[in-house]
C-alpha atoms as a PDB file:
ATOM      1  CA  MET A   1     -39.849  18.302 -28.872  1.00  0.00           C
ATOM      2  CA  SER A   2     -39.672  15.322 -31.239  1.00  0.00           C
ATOM      3  CA  LYS A   3     -39.749  11.767 -29.900  1.00  0.00           C
ATOM      4  CA  PRO A   4     -36.344  10.000 -29.824  1.00  0.00           C
ATOM      5  CA  ILE A   5     -35.777   7.552 -32.611  1.00  0.00           C
ATOM      6  CA  ARG A   6     -35.856   3.925 -31.335  1.00  0.00           C
ATOM      7  CA  ARG A   7     -33.467   1.304 -32.742  1.00  0.00           C
ATOM      8  CA  LYS A   8     -35.106  -1.612 -34.480  1.00  0.00           C
ATOM      9  CA  THR A   9     -32.201  -3.929 -33.215  1.00  0.00           C
ATOM     10  CA  ARG A  10     -30.366  -4.484 -30.049  1.00  0.00           C
ATOM     11  CA  VAL A  11     -26.660  -4.578 -29.611  1.00  0.00           C
ATOM     12  CA  LEU A  12     -25.067  -7.785 -28.362  1.00  0.00           C
ATOM     13  CA  ASN A  13     -21.383  -8.061 -27.703  1.00  0.00           C
ATOM     14  CA  ILE A  14     -20.006 -11.579 -27.861  1.00  0.00           C
ATOM     15  CA  SER A  15     -16.514 -13.040 -27.414  1.00  0.00           C
ATOM     16  CA  VAL A  16     -14.979 -15.625 -29.829  1.00  0.00           C
ATOM     17  CA  PRO A  17     -11.553 -17.067 -30.113  1.00  0.00           C
ATOM     18  CA  PRO A  18      -9.209 -15.076 -32.441  1.00  0.00           C
ATOM     19  CA  GLU A  19      -9.200 -17.796 -35.126  1.00  0.00           C
ATOM     20  CA  MET A  20     -13.015 -17.785 -35.279  1.00  0.00           C
ATOM     21  CA  TYR A  21     -13.102 -13.996 -35.463  1.00  0.00           C
ATOM     22  CA  SER A  22     -10.766 -14.131 -38.512  1.00  0.00           C
ATOM     23  CA  ASP A  23     -12.910 -16.799 -40.200  1.00  0.00           C
ATOM     24  CA  ILE A  24     -16.050 -14.661 -39.505  1.00  0.00           C
ATOM     25  CA  GLU A  25     -14.355 -11.541 -40.960  1.00  0.00           C
ATOM     26  CA  GLU A  26     -13.220 -13.491 -43.938  1.00  0.00           C
ATOM     27  CA  VAL A  27     -16.481 -15.000 -44.731  1.00  0.00           C
ATOM     28  CA  ALA A  28     -18.253 -11.717 -44.257  1.00  0.00           C
ATOM     29  CA  GLU A  29     -15.905  -9.976 -46.591  1.00  0.00           C
ATOM     30  CA  ALA A  30     -16.090 -12.910 -49.220  1.00  0.00           C
ATOM     31  CA  GLU A  31     -19.984 -12.764 -49.147  1.00  0.00           C
ATOM     32  CA  ASN A  32     -20.214  -9.056 -48.914  1.00  0.00           C
ATOM     33  CA  ARG A  33     -22.151  -9.263 -45.625  1.00  0.00           C
ATOM     34  CA  THR A  34     -21.769  -7.880 -42.147  1.00  0.00           C
ATOM     35  CA  LYS A  35     -20.554  -9.901 -39.201  1.00  0.00           C
ATOM     36  CA  SER A  36     -24.014  -9.127 -37.656  1.00  0.00           C
ATOM     37  CA  GLU A  37     -25.746 -10.780 -40.560  1.00  0.00           C
ATOM     38  CA  LEU A  38     -23.626 -13.855 -40.287  1.00  0.00           C
ATOM     39  CA  MET A  39     -24.232 -14.115 -36.485  1.00  0.00           C
ATOM     40  CA  ARG A  40     -28.052 -13.533 -37.084  1.00  0.00           C
ATOM     41  CA  GLU A  41     -27.989 -16.353 -39.731  1.00  0.00           C
ATOM     42  CA  ALA A  42     -26.095 -18.735 -37.428  1.00  0.00           C
ATOM     43  CA  PHE A  43     -28.517 -18.141 -34.621  1.00  0.00           C
ATOM     44  CA  ARG A  44     -31.497 -18.769 -36.904  1.00  0.00           C
ATOM     45  CA  HIS A  45     -29.813 -22.008 -38.056  1.00  0.00           C
ATOM     46  CA  TYR A  46     -29.208 -23.036 -34.350  1.00  0.00           C
ATOM     47  CA  GLN A  47     -32.943 -22.352 -33.523  1.00  0.00           C
ATOM     48  CA  PHE A  48     -34.049 -24.463 -36.585  1.00  0.00           C
ATOM     49  CA  VAL A  49     -31.868 -27.372 -35.583  1.00  0.00           C
ATOM     50  CA  ARG A  50     -32.933 -27.065 -31.932  1.00  0.00           C
ATOM     51  CA  ARG A  51     -36.547 -27.160 -32.787  1.00  0.00           C
ATOM     52  CA  TRP A  52     -36.191 -30.193 -34.968  1.00  0.00           C
ATOM     53  CA  ARG A  53     -34.188 -31.917 -32.159  1.00  0.00           C
ATOM     54  CA  LEU A  54     -37.041 -31.270 -29.807  1.00  0.00           C
ATOM     55  CA  ILE A  55     -39.647 -32.484 -32.271  1.00  0.00           C
ATOM     56  CA  ARG A  56     -37.593 -35.597 -32.939  1.00  0.00           C
ATOM     57  CA  GLY A  57     -37.287 -36.288 -29.232  1.00  0.00           C
ATOM     58  CA  TRP A  58     -41.150 -35.935 -28.661  1.00  0.00           C
ATOM     59  CA  GLY A  59     -41.597 -38.286 -31.684  1.00  0.00           C
ATOM     60  CA  GLU A  60     -39.145 -40.963 -30.228  1.00  0.00           C
ATOM     61  CA  GLU A  61     -40.905 -40.610 -26.807  1.00  0.00           C
ATOM     62  CA  THR A  62     -44.256 -41.074 -28.458  1.00  0.00           C
ATOM     63  CA  ALA A  63     -43.109 -44.156 -30.389  1.00  0.00           C
ATOM     64  CA  VAL A  64     -41.764 -45.659 -27.322  1.00  0.00           C
ATOM     65  CA  ARG A  65     -45.012 -45.006 -25.464  1.00  0.00           C
ATOM     66  CA  LEU A  66     -47.142 -46.451 -28.379  1.00  0.00           C
ATOM     67  CA  ASN A  67     -44.596 -49.450 -28.722  1.00  0.00           C
ATOM     68  CA  LEU A  68     -43.793 -48.526 -32.323  1.00  0.00           C
ATOM     69  CA  GLU A  69     -40.393 -49.754 -33.362  1.00  0.00           C
ATOM     70  CA  THR A  70     -40.378 -49.367 -37.260  1.00  0.00           C
ATOM     71  CA  ASP A  71     -41.612 -47.074 -39.945  1.00  0.00           C
ATOM     72  CA  GLU A  72     -44.019 -49.834 -41.108  1.00  0.00           C
ATOM     73  CA  GLU A  73     -45.502 -50.024 -37.608  1.00  0.00           C
ATOM     74  CA  LEU A  74     -45.952 -46.325 -37.568  1.00  0.00           C
ATOM     75  CA  GLU A  75     -47.605 -46.392 -40.947  1.00  0.00           C
ATOM     76  CA  ALA A  76     -49.918 -49.061 -39.790  1.00  0.00           C
ATOM     77  CA  PHE A  77     -50.776 -47.076 -36.601  1.00  0.00           C
ATOM     78  CA  LEU A  78     -51.508 -44.038 -38.658  1.00  0.00           C
ATOM     79  CA  GLY A  79     -53.748 -45.874 -41.012  1.00  0.00           C
END
């Protein structure tokens, strides 16, 4: 017997308001893409923004801890 073929993707069902669904369909058709491709891109963008928000928060916490209030003070600190 042959091994079963495994999917390289997983199925995720989500619910969105009807207006958003219409917008998603419209954009997908206009860009000749699938709704799945649009949702994957949206999530990648969300992850990117989230990571930068975390990095920025860490930077702000570090600046407070080091008592750095301006870009000039940061540049002087970094040498």
